[in-house]
Amino acid sequence: MLGQFLFRGDDAFKRIEVLSGGERSRVALAKLVLKPTNVLVLDEPTNHLDRSTRRKLLEVLEKYPGTILCAAHDPAILDRIATRVYEVKDATVRELIDRRRD
């Protein structure tokens, strides 16, 4: 599993305290997808990720069998992951039909 999140060789044995911020994010994401859940709630999940980690996260989320409720501005999340997009603005919520994908 750690290999899927770009940890190689001895990196898998590093203590959390010595990991970089990006590595810690990857560990947290790996832990998330390992838990048997049917709903993920994510808030801007691609913020502060390097390009390769972001790409890997999108691959993992595309394979996730459950429901993902995600607040995001990232077009890649909207295009690759979202089946429905809602806009929250001025105390109202509306579905953006042109972004709908079933």
PDB file of N, CA and C in Angstrom:
ATOM      1  N   MET A   1       0.826  -1.197   0.000  1.00  0.00           N
ATOM      2  CA  MET A   1       0.000   0.000   0.000  1.00  0.00           C
ATOM      3  C   MET A   1       0.868   1.257   0.000  1.00  0.00           C
ATOM      4  N   LEU A   2       1.921   1.292   0.805  1.00  0.00           N
ATOM      5  CA  LEU A   2       2.752   2.498   0.850  1.00  0.00           C
ATOM      6  C   LEU A   2       3.408   2.777  -0.498  1.00  0.00           C
ATOM      7  N   GLY A   3       3.705   1.729  -1.260  1.00  0.00           N
ATOM      8  CA  GLY A   3       4.261   1.919  -2.595  1.00  0.00           C
ATOM      9  C   GLY A   3       3.313   2.677  -3.501  1.00  0.00           C
ATOM     10  N   GLN A   4       2.015   2.454  -3.330  1.00  0.00           N
ATOM     11  CA  GLN A   4       1.025   3.184  -4.121  1.00  0.00           C
ATOM     12  C   GLN A   4       1.015   4.667  -3.775  1.00  0.00           C
ATOM     13  N   PHE A   5       1.525   4.996  -2.603  1.00  0.00           N
ATOM     14  CA  PHE A   5       1.585   6.392  -2.183  1.00  0.00           C
ATOM     15  C   PHE A   5       3.004   6.935  -2.251  1.00  0.00           C
ATOM     16  N   LEU A   6       3.795   6.345  -3.158  1.00  0.00           N
ATOM     17  CA  LEU A   6       5.116   6.843  -3.540  1.00  0.00           C
ATOM     18  C   LEU A   6       6.178   6.717  -2.454  1.00  0.00           C
ATOM     19  N   PHE A   7       6.033   5.778  -1.542  1.00  0.00           N
ATOM     20  CA  PHE A   7       7.094   5.475  -0.581  1.00  0.00           C
ATOM     21  C   PHE A   7       7.906   4.320  -1.148  1.00  0.00           C
ATOM     22  N   ARG A   8       9.225   4.476  -1.182  1.00  0.00           N
ATOM     23  CA  ARG A   8      10.107   3.471  -1.763  1.00  0.00           C
ATOM     24  C   ARG A   8      11.123   2.990  -0.732  1.00  0.00           C
ATOM     25  N   GLY A   9      11.468   1.725  -0.801  1.00  0.00           N
ATOM     26  CA  GLY A   9      12.539   1.161   0.018  1.00  0.00           C
ATOM     27  C   GLY A   9      12.377   1.440   1.499  1.00  0.00           C
ATOM     28  N   ASP A  10      13.436   1.977   2.092  1.00  0.00           N
ATOM     29  CA  ASP A  10      13.455   2.236   3.535  1.00  0.00           C
ATOM     30  C   ASP A  10      12.527   3.366   3.970  1.00  0.00           C
ATOM     31  N   ASP A  11      11.992   4.120   3.018  1.00  0.00           N
ATOM     32  CA  ASP A  11      11.051   5.195   3.384  1.00  0.00           C
ATOM     33  C   ASP A  11       9.865   4.647   4.179  1.00  0.00           C
ATOM     34  N   ALA A  12       9.494   3.408   3.900  1.00  0.00           N
ATOM     35  CA  ALA A  12       8.344   2.803   4.582  1.00  0.00           C
ATOM     36  C   ALA A  12       8.599   2.593   6.074  1.00  0.00           C
ATOM     37  N   PHE A  13       9.857   2.652   6.491  1.00  0.00           N
ATOM     38  CA  PHE A  13      10.198   2.412   7.895  1.00  0.00           C
ATOM     39  C   PHE A  13      10.534   3.688   8.660  1.00  0.00           C
ATOM     40  N   LYS A  14      10.426   4.833   8.007  1.00  0.00           N
ATOM     41  CA  LYS A  14      10.712   6.102   8.691  1.00  0.00           C
ATOM     42  C   LYS A  14       9.669   6.368   9.768  1.00  0.00           C
ATOM     43  N   ARG A  15      10.107   7.000  10.832  1.00  0.00           N
ATOM     44  CA  ARG A  15       9.182   7.426  11.885  1.00  0.00           C
ATOM     45  C   ARG A  15       8.425   8.663  11.391  1.00  0.00           C
ATOM     46  N   ILE A  16       7.180   8.793  11.800  1.00  0.00           N
ATOM     47  CA  ILE A  16       6.335   9.909  11.373  1.00  0.00           C
ATOM     48  C   ILE A  16       7.004  11.250  11.653  1.00  0.00           C
ATOM     49  N   GLU A  17       7.687  11.358  12.790  1.00  0.00           N
ATOM     50  CA  GLU A  17       8.295  12.644  13.185  1.00  0.00           C
ATOM     51  C   GLU A  17       9.329  13.151  12.181  1.00  0.00           C
ATOM     52  N   VAL A  18       9.944  12.263  11.404  1.00  0.00           N
ATOM     53  CA  VAL A  18      10.991  12.696  10.475  1.00  0.00           C
ATOM     54  C   VAL A  18      10.470  12.895   9.050  1.00  0.00           C
ATOM     55  N   LEU A  19       9.198  12.616   8.823  1.00  0.00           N
ATOM     56  CA  LEU A  19       8.629  12.777   7.485  1.00  0.00           C
ATOM     57  C   LEU A  19       8.391  14.244   7.163  1.00  0.00           C
ATOM     58  N   SER A  20       8.492  14.566   5.883  1.00  0.00           N
ATOM     59  CA  SER A  20       8.160  15.920   5.428  1.00  0.00           C
ATOM     60  C   SER A  20       6.644  16.099   5.476  1.00  0.00           C
ATOM     61  N   GLY A  21       6.190  17.324   5.281  1.00  0.00           N
ATOM     62  CA  GLY A  21       4.750  17.590   5.269  1.00  0.00           C
ATOM     63  C   GLY A  21       4.032  16.800   4.191  1.00  0.00           C
ATOM     64  N   GLY A  22       4.627  16.731   3.002  1.00  0.00           N
ATOM     65  CA  GLY A  22       4.020  15.972   1.910  1.00  0.00           C
ATOM     66  C   GLY A  22       3.956  14.485   2.205  1.00  0.00           C
ATOM     67  N   GLU A  23       5.029  13.962   2.819  1.00  0.00           N
ATOM     68  CA  GLU A  23       5.039  12.544   3.180  1.00  0.00           C
ATOM     69  C   GLU A  23       3.985  12.248   4.242  1.00  0.00           C
ATOM     70  N   ARG A  24       3.836  13.151   5.179  1.00  0.00           N
ATOM     71  CA  ARG A  24       2.803  12.961   6.213  1.00  0.00           C
ATOM     72  C   ARG A  24       1.408  12.967   5.596  1.00  0.00           C
ATOM     73  N   SER A  25       1.208  13.842   4.620  1.00  0.00           N
ATOM     74  CA  SER A  25      -0.088  13.875   3.925  1.00  0.00           C
ATOM     75  C   SER A  25      -0.350  12.550   3.225  1.00  0.00           C
ATOM     76  N   ARG A  26       0.687  11.995   2.592  1.00  0.00           N
ATOM     77  CA  ARG A  26       0.519  10.717   1.897  1.00  0.00           C
ATOM     78  C   ARG A  26       0.195   9.588   2.872  1.00  0.00           C
ATOM     79  N   VAL A  27       0.833   9.596   4.053  1.00  0.00           N
ATOM     80  CA  VAL A  27       0.523   8.582   5.068  1.00  0.00           C
ATOM     81  C   VAL A  27      -0.934   8.721   5.516  1.00  0.00           C
ATOM     82  N   ALA A  28      -1.372   9.955   5.745  1.00  0.00           N
ATOM     83  CA  ALA A  28      -2.755  10.187   6.180  1.00  0.00           C
ATOM     84  C   ALA A  28      -3.744   9.702   5.122  1.00  0.00           C
ATOM     85  N   LEU A  29      -3.451   9.961   3.852  1.00  0.00           N
ATOM     86  CA  LEU A  29      -4.342   9.518   2.777  1.00  0.00           C
ATOM     87  C   LEU A  29      -4.361   7.996   2.677  1.00  0.00           C
ATOM     88  N   ALA A  30      -3.206   7.367   2.843  1.00  0.00           N
ATOM     89  CA  ALA A  30      -3.148   5.902   2.808  1.00  0.00           C
ATOM     90  C   ALA A  30      -3.979   5.309   3.943  1.00  0.00           C
ATOM     91  N   LYS A  31      -3.872   5.894   5.128  1.00  0.00           N
ATOM     92  CA  LYS A  31      -4.657   5.417   6.266  1.00  0.00           C
ATOM     93  C   LYS A  31      -6.150   5.570   5.995  1.00  0.00           C
ATOM     94  N   LEU A  32      -6.497   6.668   5.337  1.00  0.00           N
ATOM     95  CA  LEU A  32      -7.907   6.920   5.021  1.00  0.00           C
ATOM     96  C   LEU A  32      -8.489   5.834   4.137  1.00  0.00           C
ATOM     97  N   VAL A  33      -7.774   5.482   3.075  1.00  0.00           N
ATOM     98  CA  VAL A  33      -8.337   4.515   2.129  1.00  0.00           C
ATOM     99  C   VAL A  33      -8.232   3.082   2.635  1.00  0.00           C
ATOM    100  N   LEU A  34      -7.428   2.843   3.656  1.00  0.00           N
ATOM    101  CA  LEU A  34      -7.332   1.497   4.232  1.00  0.00           C
ATOM    102  C   LEU A  34      -8.488   1.173   5.167  1.00  0.00           C
ATOM    103  N   LYS A  35      -9.104   2.195   5.723  1.00  0.00           N
ATOM    104  CA  LYS A  35     -10.217   1.971   6.642  1.00  0.00           C
ATOM    105  C   LYS A  35     -11.458   1.573   5.843  1.00  0.00           C
ATOM    106  N   PRO A  36     -12.193   0.571   6.328  1.00  0.00           N
ATOM    107  CA  PRO A  36     -13.401   0.155   5.605  1.00  0.00           C
ATOM    108  C   PRO A  36     -14.530   1.169   5.807  1.00  0.00           C
ATOM    109  N   THR A  37     -14.644   2.097   4.894  1.00  0.00           N
ATOM    110  CA  THR A  37     -15.687   3.121   4.964  1.00  0.00           C
ATOM    111  C   THR A  37     -16.461   3.139   3.650  1.00  0.00           C
ATOM    112  N   ASN A  38     -17.635   3.726   3.685  1.00  0.00           N
ATOM    113  CA  ASN A  38     -18.372   3.883   2.435  1.00  0.00           C
ATOM    114  C   ASN A  38     -18.595   5.349   2.089  1.00  0.00           C
ATOM    115  N   VAL A  39     -18.072   6.263   2.922  1.00  0.00           N
ATOM    116  CA  VAL A  39     -18.172   7.698   2.648  1.00  0.00           C
ATOM    117  C   VAL A  39     -16.858   8.372   3.040  1.00  0.00           C
ATOM    118  N   LEU A  40     -16.333   9.192   2.140  1.00  0.00           N
ATOM    119  CA  LEU A  40     -15.185  10.045   2.449  1.00  0.00           C
ATOM    120  C   LEU A  40     -15.652  11.491   2.397  1.00  0.00           C
ATOM    121  N   VAL A  41     -15.287  12.283   3.387  1.00  0.00           N
ATOM    122  CA  VAL A  41     -15.572  13.717   3.393  1.00  0.00           C
ATOM    123  C   VAL A  41     -14.221  14.416   3.321  1.00  0.00           C
ATOM    124  N   LEU A  42     -13.988  15.134   2.225  1.00  0.00           N
ATOM    125  CA  LEU A  42     -12.688  15.755   1.975  1.00  0.00           C
ATOM    126  C   LEU A  42     -12.845  17.257   1.766  1.00  0.00           C
ATOM    127  N   ASP A  43     -11.937  18.016   2.323  1.00  0.00           N
ATOM    128  CA  ASP A  43     -11.928  19.472   2.170  1.00  0.00           C
ATOM    129  C   ASP A  43     -10.647  19.874   1.453  1.00  0.00           C
ATOM    130  N   GLU A  44     -10.768  20.246   0.197  1.00  0.00           N
ATOM    131  CA  GLU A  44      -9.632  20.645  -0.630  1.00  0.00           C
ATOM    132  C   GLU A  44      -8.482  19.637  -0.522  1.00  0.00           C
ATOM    133  N   PRO A  45      -8.728  18.379  -0.898  1.00  0.00           N
ATOM    134  CA  PRO A  45      -7.734  17.329  -0.673  1.00  0.00           C
ATOM    135  C   PRO A  45      -6.441  17.464  -1.472  1.00  0.00           C
ATOM    136  N   THR A  46      -6.449  18.234  -2.550  1.00  0.00           N
ATOM    137  CA  THR A  46      -5.222  18.349  -3.343  1.00  0.00           C
ATOM    138  C   THR A  46      -4.372  19.557  -2.961  1.00  0.00           C
ATOM    139  N   ASN A  47      -4.851  20.385  -2.046  1.00  0.00           N
ATOM    140  CA  ASN A  47      -4.046  21.535  -1.605  1.00  0.00           C
ATOM    141  C   ASN A  47      -2.750  21.055  -0.965  1.00  0.00           C
ATOM    142  N   HIS A  48      -1.688  21.748  -1.231  1.00  0.00           N
ATOM    143  CA  HIS A  48      -0.375  21.514  -0.613  1.00  0.00           C
ATOM    144  C   HIS A  48       0.245  20.174  -0.984  1.00  0.00           C
ATOM    145  N   LEU A  49      -0.210  19.536  -2.047  1.00  0.00           N
ATOM    146  CA  LEU A  49       0.397  18.281  -2.485  1.00  0.00           C
ATOM    147  C   LEU A  49       1.286  18.541  -3.689  1.00  0.00           C
ATOM    148  N   ASP A  50       2.396  17.811  -3.774  1.00  0.00           N
ATOM    149  CA  ASP A  50       3.229  17.933  -4.968  1.00  0.00           C
ATOM    150  C   ASP A  50       2.520  17.218  -6.123  1.00  0.00           C
ATOM    151  N   ARG A  51       3.021  17.424  -7.321  1.00  0.00           N
ATOM    152  CA  ARG A  51       2.354  16.931  -8.531  1.00  0.00           C
ATOM    153  C   ARG A  51       2.162  15.409  -8.514  1.00  0.00           C
ATOM    154  N   SER A  52       3.188  14.663  -8.137  1.00  0.00           N
ATOM    155  CA  SER A  52       3.067  13.201  -8.175  1.00  0.00           C
ATOM    156  C   SER A  52       2.094  12.690  -7.111  1.00  0.00           C
ATOM    157  N   THR A  53       2.097  13.300  -5.935  1.00  0.00           N
ATOM    158  CA  THR A  53       1.157  12.891  -4.886  1.00  0.00           C
ATOM    159  C   THR A  53      -0.272  13.229  -5.292  1.00  0.00           C
ATOM    160  N   ARG A  54      -0.447  14.385  -5.903  1.00  0.00           N
ATOM    161  CA  ARG A  54      -1.776  14.803  -6.374  1.00  0.00           C
ATOM    162  C   ARG A  54      -2.310  13.809  -7.408  1.00  0.00           C
ATOM    163  N   ARG A  55      -1.448  13.433  -8.344  1.00  0.00           N
ATOM    164  CA  ARG A  55      -1.838  12.472  -9.378  1.00  0.00           C
ATOM    165  C   ARG A  55      -2.227  11.131  -8.746  1.00  0.00           C
ATOM    166  N   LYS A  56      -1.429  10.671  -7.785  1.00  0.00           N
ATOM    167  CA  LYS A  56      -1.704   9.398  -7.124  1.00  0.00           C
ATOM    168  C   LYS A  56      -3.015   9.466  -6.336  1.00  0.00           C
ATOM    169  N   LEU A  57      -3.244  10.570  -5.652  1.00  0.00           N
ATOM    170  CA  LEU A  57      -4.492  10.734  -4.904  1.00  0.00           C
ATOM    171  C   LEU A  57      -5.695  10.631  -5.836  1.00  0.00           C
ATOM    172  N   LEU A  58      -5.628  11.297  -6.980  1.00  0.00           N
ATOM    173  CA  LEU A  58      -6.743  11.238  -7.931  1.00  0.00           C
ATOM    174  C   LEU A  58      -6.974   9.812  -8.421  1.00  0.00           C
ATOM    175  N   GLU A  59      -5.891   9.068  -8.660  1.00  0.00           N
ATOM    176  CA  GLU A  59      -6.031   7.671  -9.082  1.00  0.00           C
ATOM    177  C   GLU A  59      -6.739   6.850  -8.007  1.00  0.00           C
ATOM    178  N   VAL A  60      -6.340   7.043  -6.760  1.00  0.00           N
ATOM    179  CA  VAL A  60      -6.952   6.299  -5.654  1.00  0.00           C
ATOM    180  C   VAL A  60      -8.425   6.680  -5.502  1.00  0.00           C
ATOM    181  N   LEU A  61      -8.723   7.974  -5.583  1.00  0.00           N
ATOM    182  CA  LEU A  61     -10.114   8.412  -5.438  1.00  0.00           C
ATOM    183  C   LEU A  61     -10.985   7.903  -6.582  1.00  0.00           C
ATOM    184  N   GLU A  62     -10.432   7.817  -7.792  1.00  0.00           N
ATOM    185  CA  GLU A  62     -11.202   7.286  -8.920  1.00  0.00           C
ATOM    186  C   GLU A  62     -11.615   5.835  -8.681  1.00  0.00           C
ATOM    187  N   LYS A  63     -10.806   5.091  -7.952  1.00  0.00           N
ATOM    188  CA  LYS A  63     -11.095   3.679  -7.681  1.00  0.00           C
ATOM    189  C   LYS A  63     -11.943   3.479  -6.426  1.00  0.00           C
ATOM    190  N   TYR A  64     -12.124   4.529  -5.647  1.00  0.00           N
ATOM    191  CA  TYR A  64     -12.854   4.400  -4.384  1.00  0.00           C
ATOM    192  C   TYR A  64     -14.297   3.990  -4.668  1.00  0.00           C
ATOM    193  N   PRO A  65     -14.779   2.892  -4.058  1.00  0.00           N
ATOM    194  CA  PRO A  65     -16.110   2.382  -4.389  1.00  0.00           C
ATOM    195  C   PRO A  65     -17.262   3.098  -3.692  1.00  0.00           C
ATOM    196  N   GLY A  66     -16.968   3.906  -2.681  1.00  0.00           N
ATOM    197  CA  GLY A  66     -18.030   4.551  -1.917  1.00  0.00           C
ATOM    198  C   GLY A  66     -18.347   5.947  -2.424  1.00  0.00           C
ATOM    199  N   THR A  67     -19.006   6.697  -1.580  1.00  0.00           N
ATOM    200  CA  THR A  67     -19.400   8.073  -1.865  1.00  0.00           C
ATOM    201  C   THR A  67     -18.312   9.023  -1.395  1.00  0.00           C
ATOM    202  N   ILE A  68     -18.032  10.033  -2.205  1.00  0.00           N
ATOM    203  CA  ILE A  68     -17.066  11.066  -1.827  1.00  0.00           C
ATOM    204  C   ILE A  68     -17.797  12.401  -1.808  1.00  0.00           C
ATOM    205  N   LEU A  69     -17.785  13.045  -0.659  1.00  0.00           N
ATOM    206  CA  LEU A  69     -18.315  14.396  -0.515  1.00  0.00           C
ATOM    207  C   LEU A  69     -17.095  15.292  -0.376  1.00  0.00           C
ATOM    208  N   CYS A  70     -16.918  16.186  -1.334  1.00  0.00           N
ATOM    209  CA  CYS A  70     -15.651  16.904  -1.412  1.00  0.00           C
ATOM    210  C   CYS A  70     -15.870  18.380  -1.712  1.00  0.00           C
ATOM    211  N   ALA A  71     -15.252  19.237  -0.900  1.00  0.00           N
ATOM    212  CA  ALA A  71     -15.201  20.665  -1.205  1.00  0.00           C
ATOM    213  C   ALA A  71     -13.909  20.882  -1.982  1.00  0.00           C
ATOM    214  N   ALA A  72     -14.025  21.392  -3.210  1.00  0.00           N
ATOM    215  CA  ALA A  72     -12.826  21.528  -4.039  1.00  0.00           C
ATOM    216  C   ALA A  72     -12.991  22.618  -5.082  1.00  0.00           C
ATOM    217  N   HIS A  73     -11.871  23.251  -5.388  1.00  0.00           N
ATOM    218  CA  HIS A  73     -11.801  24.192  -6.500  1.00  0.00           C
ATOM    219  C   HIS A  73     -10.937  23.624  -7.621  1.00  0.00           C
ATOM    220  N   ASP A  74     -10.291  22.514  -7.357  1.00  0.00           N
ATOM    221  CA  ASP A  74      -9.364  21.895  -8.298  1.00  0.00           C
ATOM    222  C   ASP A  74     -10.140  21.301  -9.476  1.00  0.00           C
ATOM    223  N   PRO A  75      -9.894  21.785 -10.699  1.00  0.00           N
ATOM    224  CA  PRO A  75     -10.617  21.255 -11.862  1.00  0.00           C
ATOM    225  C   PRO A  75     -10.417  19.752 -12.059  1.00  0.00           C
ATOM    226  N   ALA A  76      -9.267  19.217 -11.679  1.00  0.00           N
ATOM    227  CA  ALA A  76      -9.024  17.780 -11.849  1.00  0.00           C
ATOM    228  C   ALA A  76      -9.981  16.963 -10.990  1.00  0.00           C
ATOM    229  N   ILE A  77     -10.236  17.410  -9.773  1.00  0.00           N
ATOM    230  CA  ILE A  77     -11.203  16.714  -8.902  1.00  0.00           C
ATOM    231  C   ILE A  77     -12.582  16.798  -9.544  1.00  0.00           C
ATOM    232  N   LEU A  78     -12.947  17.990  -9.992  1.00  0.00           N
ATOM    233  CA  LEU A  78     -14.275  18.177 -10.576  1.00  0.00           C
ATOM    234  C   LEU A  78     -14.444  17.342 -11.839  1.00  0.00           C
ATOM    235  N   ASP A  79     -13.406  17.269 -12.666  1.00  0.00           N
ATOM    236  CA  ASP A  79     -13.505  16.551 -13.933  1.00  0.00           C
ATOM    237  C   ASP A  79     -13.373  15.036 -13.781  1.00  0.00           C
ATOM    238  N   ARG A  80     -12.487  14.582 -12.901  1.00  0.00           N
ATOM    239  CA  ARG A  80     -12.188  13.149 -12.814  1.00  0.00           C
ATOM    240  C   ARG A  80     -12.974  12.411 -11.740  1.00  0.00           C
ATOM    241  N   ILE A  81     -13.364  13.085 -10.676  1.00  0.00           N
ATOM    242  CA  ILE A  81     -13.963  12.407  -9.537  1.00  0.00           C
ATOM    243  C   ILE A  81     -15.459  12.697  -9.406  1.00  0.00           C
ATOM    244  N   ALA A  82     -15.831  13.950  -9.563  1.00  0.00           N
ATOM    245  CA  ALA A  82     -17.211  14.368  -9.272  1.00  0.00           C
ATOM    246  C   ALA A  82     -18.200  13.850 -10.312  1.00  0.00           C
ATOM    247  N   THR A  83     -19.322  13.334  -9.825  1.00  0.00           N
ATOM    248  CA  THR A  83     -20.430  12.996 -10.715  1.00  0.00           C
ATOM    249  C   THR A  83     -21.498  14.082 -10.668  1.00  0.00           C
ATOM    250  N   ARG A  84     -21.516  14.820  -9.574  1.00  0.00           N
ATOM    251  CA  ARG A  84     -22.409  15.975  -9.428  1.00  0.00           C
ATOM    252  C   ARG A  84     -21.628  17.076  -8.734  1.00  0.00           C
ATOM    253  N   VAL A  85     -21.864  18.308  -9.176  1.00  0.00           N
ATOM    254  CA  VAL A  85     -21.181  19.459  -8.582  1.00  0.00           C
ATOM    255  C   VAL A  85     -22.243  20.449  -8.118  1.00  0.00           C
ATOM    256  N   TYR A  86     -22.095  20.885  -6.878  1.00  0.00           N
ATOM    257  CA  TYR A  86     -23.016  21.862  -6.302  1.00  0.00           C
ATOM    258  C   TYR A  86     -22.239  23.120  -5.944  1.00  0.00           C
ATOM    259  N   GLU A  87     -22.852  24.243  -6.189  1.00  0.00           N
ATOM    260  CA  GLU A  87     -22.264  25.529  -5.821  1.00  0.00           C
ATOM    261  C   GLU A  87     -23.006  26.065  -4.600  1.00  0.00           C
ATOM    262  N   VAL A  88     -22.238  26.471  -3.603  1.00  0.00           N
ATOM    263  CA  VAL A  88     -22.808  27.108  -2.415  1.00  0.00           C
ATOM    264  C   VAL A  88     -22.422  28.578  -2.499  1.00  0.00           C
ATOM    265  N   LYS A  89     -23.435  29.434  -2.601  1.00  0.00           N
ATOM    266  CA  LYS A  89     -23.169  30.861  -2.791  1.00  0.00           C
ATOM    267  C   LYS A  89     -24.341  31.660  -2.245  1.00  0.00           C
ATOM    268  N   ASP A  90     -24.043  32.708  -1.508  1.00  0.00           N
ATOM    269  CA  ASP A  90     -25.078  33.601  -0.973  1.00  0.00           C
ATOM    270  C   ASP A  90     -26.191  32.829  -0.257  1.00  0.00           C
ATOM    271  N   ALA A  91     -25.805  31.904   0.592  1.00  0.00           N
ATOM    272  CA  ALA A  91     -26.734  31.113   1.410  1.00  0.00           C
ATOM    273  C   ALA A  91     -27.683  30.243   0.583  1.00  0.00           C
ATOM    274  N   THR A  92     -27.290  29.922  -0.656  1.00  0.00           N
ATOM    275  CA  THR A  92     -28.090  29.014  -1.480  1.00  0.00           C
ATOM    276  C   THR A  92     -27.184  27.914  -2.038  1.00  0.00           C
ATOM    277  N   VAL A  93     -27.822  26.808  -2.388  1.00  0.00           N
ATOM    278  CA  VAL A  93     -27.110  25.683  -2.989  1.00  0.00           C
ATOM    279  C   VAL A  93     -27.803  25.352  -4.298  1.00  0.00           C
ATOM    280  N   ARG A  94     -27.012  25.213  -5.354  1.00  0.00           N
ATOM    281  CA  ARG A  94     -27.608  24.819  -6.634  1.00  0.00           C
ATOM    282  C   ARG A  94     -26.679  23.843  -7.342  1.00  0.00           C
ATOM    283  N   GLU A  95     -27.288  22.895  -8.047  1.00  0.00           N
ATOM    284  CA  GLU A  95     -26.495  21.933  -8.808  1.00  0.00           C
ATOM    285  C   GLU A  95     -26.063  22.573 -10.118  1.00  0.00           C
ATOM    286  N   LEU A  96     -24.801  22.387 -10.457  1.00  0.00           N
ATOM    287  CA  LEU A  96     -24.289  22.868 -11.737  1.00  0.00           C
ATOM    288  C   LEU A  96     -24.493  21.745 -12.751  1.00  0.00           C
ATOM    289  N   ILE A  97     -25.595  21.800 -13.450  1.00  0.00           N
ATOM    290  CA  ILE A  97     -26.011  20.730 -14.359  1.00  0.00           C
ATOM    291  C   ILE A  97     -24.974  20.489 -15.450  1.00  0.00           C
ATOM    292  N   ASP A  98     -24.334  21.535 -15.958  1.00  0.00           N
ATOM    293  CA  ASP A  98     -23.363  21.370 -17.040  1.00  0.00           C
ATOM    294  C   ASP A  98     -22.125  20.590 -16.589  1.00  0.00           C
ATOM    295  N   ARG A  99     -21.930  20.416 -15.290  1.00  0.00           N
ATOM    296  CA  ARG A  99     -20.787  19.648 -14.778  1.00  0.00           C
ATOM    297  C   ARG A  99     -21.199  18.250 -14.332  1.00  0.00           C
ATOM    298  N   ARG A 100     -22.453  17.896 -14.564  1.00  0.00           N
ATOM    299  CA  ARG A 100     -22.975  16.608 -14.093  1.00  0.00           C
ATOM    300  C   ARG A 100     -22.450  15.470 -14.962  1.00  0.00           C
ATOM    301  N   ARG A 101     -22.041  14.384 -14.299  1.00  0.00           N
ATOM    302  CA  ARG A 101     -21.542  13.204 -15.003  1.00  0.00           C
ATOM    303  C   ARG A 101     -22.101  11.970 -14.301  1.00  0.00           C
ATOM    304  N   ASP A 102     -22.915  11.204 -14.977  1.00  0.00           N
ATOM    305  CA  ASP A 102     -23.513   9.996 -14.360  1.00  0.00           C
ATOM    306  C   ASP A 102     -22.831   8.746 -14.830  1.00  0.00           C
TER     307      ASP A 102
END
